[in-house]
Amino acid sequence: MSIKSINVRNQFRGTISEIIEGPVLSEIDVATPSGIVTSVITTRSVKDLELAVGSEVIAFVKSTEVSLAKL
C-alpha cells in the first residue's frame, strides 16, 4: 500500500515500539504523539513490509480495522 493512497483522516504517524509475532498474526504497537496504537496484521505482512522495532509507519483507522504503511 502506498502512502499516497491513504485517506488523510484518522491516521497516526509513529514508530514501532513492539512486535509480538505469532505463527499467523502479529501484534504491532506503534508509539504516536497521541499514545500507543496497536494493530494486528498477518505475520507474513510483517516480513513483506520488513517491519521492525524502530520502523517509522503510519497507522490509519478504518471503521473496522487499523492498518499500517511503512514510511
C-alpha atoms as a PDB file:
ATOM      1  CA  MET A   1       0.000   0.000   0.000  1.00  0.00           C
ATOM      2  CA  SER A   2       1.375   3.414  -0.847  1.00  0.00           C
ATOM      3  CA  ILE A   3       1.187   6.443   1.403  1.00  0.00           C
ATOM      4  CA  LYS A   4      -0.410   8.459  -1.426  1.00  0.00           C
ATOM      5  CA  SER A   5      -3.429   6.126  -1.459  1.00  0.00           C
ATOM      6  CA  ILE A   6      -4.201   6.638   2.239  1.00  0.00           C
ATOM      7  CA  ASN A   7      -7.013   8.975   3.264  1.00  0.00           C
ATOM      8  CA  VAL A   8      -5.551  11.808   5.373  1.00  0.00           C
ATOM      9  CA  ARG A   9      -8.215  11.406   8.047  1.00  0.00           C
ATOM     10  CA  ASN A  10      -7.734   9.084  11.005  1.00  0.00           C
ATOM     11  CA  GLN A  11      -4.031   8.459  10.615  1.00  0.00           C
ATOM     12  CA  PHE A  12      -1.248   8.438  13.162  1.00  0.00           C
ATOM     13  CA  ARG A  13       2.456   8.744  12.309  1.00  0.00           C
ATOM     14  CA  GLY A  14       4.674   6.905  14.706  1.00  0.00           C
ATOM     15  CA  THR A  15       7.441   4.433  15.388  1.00  0.00           C
ATOM     16  CA  ILE A  16       7.020   0.719  16.013  1.00  0.00           C
ATOM     17  CA  SER A  17       7.784   0.129  19.696  1.00  0.00           C
ATOM     18  CA  GLU A  18       6.998  -3.591  19.935  1.00  0.00           C
ATOM     19  CA  ILE A  19       6.212  -6.533  17.679  1.00  0.00           C
ATOM     20  CA  ILE A  20       4.754  -9.742  19.093  1.00  0.00           C
ATOM     21  CA  GLU A  21       4.989 -12.268  16.269  1.00  0.00           C
ATOM     22  CA  GLY A  22       2.666 -15.245  16.142  1.00  0.00           C
ATOM     23  CA  PRO A  23       2.533 -18.089  13.651  1.00  0.00           C
ATOM     24  CA  VAL A  24      -0.229 -16.392  11.619  1.00  0.00           C
ATOM     25  CA  LEU A  25      -0.964 -12.987  13.182  1.00  0.00           C
ATOM     26  CA  SER A  26       1.326 -10.434  14.817  1.00  0.00           C
ATOM     27  CA  GLU A  27       0.541  -7.555  17.163  1.00  0.00           C
ATOM     28  CA  ILE A  28       2.289  -4.280  16.364  1.00  0.00           C
ATOM     29  CA  ASP A  29       2.476  -1.432  18.891  1.00  0.00           C
ATOM     30  CA  VAL A  30       3.135   1.997  17.374  1.00  0.00           C
ATOM     31  CA  ALA A  31       4.210   4.916  19.579  1.00  0.00           C
ATOM     32  CA  THR A  32       2.499   8.087  18.324  1.00  0.00           C
ATOM     33  CA  PRO A  33       2.209  11.609  19.761  1.00  0.00           C
ATOM     34  CA  SER A  34      -1.328  10.590  20.802  1.00  0.00           C
ATOM     35  CA  GLY A  35      -0.193   7.413  22.574  1.00  0.00           C
ATOM     36  CA  ILE A  36       0.222   3.764  21.599  1.00  0.00           C
ATOM     37  CA  VAL A  37      -1.788   2.477  18.626  1.00  0.00           C
ATOM     38  CA  THR A  38      -1.992  -1.316  18.323  1.00  0.00           C
ATOM     39  CA  SER A  39      -2.607  -3.192  15.096  1.00  0.00           C
ATOM     40  CA  VAL A  40      -2.952  -6.912  14.403  1.00  0.00           C
ATOM     41  CA  ILE A  41      -1.646  -7.879  10.959  1.00  0.00           C
ATOM     42  CA  THR A  42      -0.508 -11.089   9.351  1.00  0.00           C
ATOM     43  CA  THR A  43       2.976 -12.236  10.242  1.00  0.00           C
ATOM     44  CA  ARG A  44       3.599 -12.534   6.505  1.00  0.00           C
ATOM     45  CA  SER A  45       2.856  -8.780   6.149  1.00  0.00           C
ATOM     46  CA  VAL A  46       5.382  -8.026   8.914  1.00  0.00           C
ATOM     47  CA  LYS A  47       8.026  -9.839   6.894  1.00  0.00           C
ATOM     48  CA  ASP A  48       6.891  -8.495   3.480  1.00  0.00           C
ATOM     49  CA  LEU A  49       6.928  -4.885   4.753  1.00  0.00           C
ATOM     50  CA  GLU A  50      10.211  -5.522   6.602  1.00  0.00           C
ATOM     51  CA  LEU A  51       8.706  -4.050   9.762  1.00  0.00           C
ATOM     52  CA  ALA A  52      10.924  -3.920  12.831  1.00  0.00           C
ATOM     53  CA  VAL A  53      11.074  -2.113  16.151  1.00  0.00           C
ATOM     54  CA  GLY A  54      12.103   1.437  15.278  1.00  0.00           C
ATOM     55  CA  SER A  55      10.455   1.457  11.818  1.00  0.00           C
ATOM     56  CA  GLU A  56       8.529   4.643  11.079  1.00  0.00           C
ATOM     57  CA  VAL A  57       4.964   3.921   9.963  1.00  0.00           C
ATOM     58  CA  ILE A  58       1.573   5.471   9.501  1.00  0.00           C
ATOM     59  CA  ALA A  59      -1.258   3.728  11.336  1.00  0.00           C
ATOM     60  CA  PHE A  60      -4.595   4.538   9.774  1.00  0.00           C
ATOM     61  CA  VAL A  61      -8.004   3.646  11.099  1.00  0.00           C
ATOM     62  CA  LYS A  62     -10.861   2.328   9.012  1.00  0.00           C
ATOM     63  CA  SER A  63     -14.264   1.723  10.514  1.00  0.00           C
ATOM     64  CA  THR A  64     -13.397  -1.932  11.207  1.00  0.00           C
ATOM     65  CA  GLU A  65      -9.596  -2.156  11.379  1.00  0.00           C
ATOM     66  CA  VAL A  66      -6.259  -0.410  11.883  1.00  0.00           C
ATOM     67  CA  SER A  67      -3.709  -0.813   9.077  1.00  0.00           C
ATOM     68  CA  LEU A  68      -0.054   0.191   8.664  1.00  0.00           C
ATOM     69  CA  ALA A  69       2.061   1.625   5.860  1.00  0.00           C
ATOM     70  CA  LYS A  70       5.839   1.822   6.101  1.00  0.00           C
ATOM     71  CA  LEU A  71       7.347   5.312   5.751  1.00  0.00           C
END
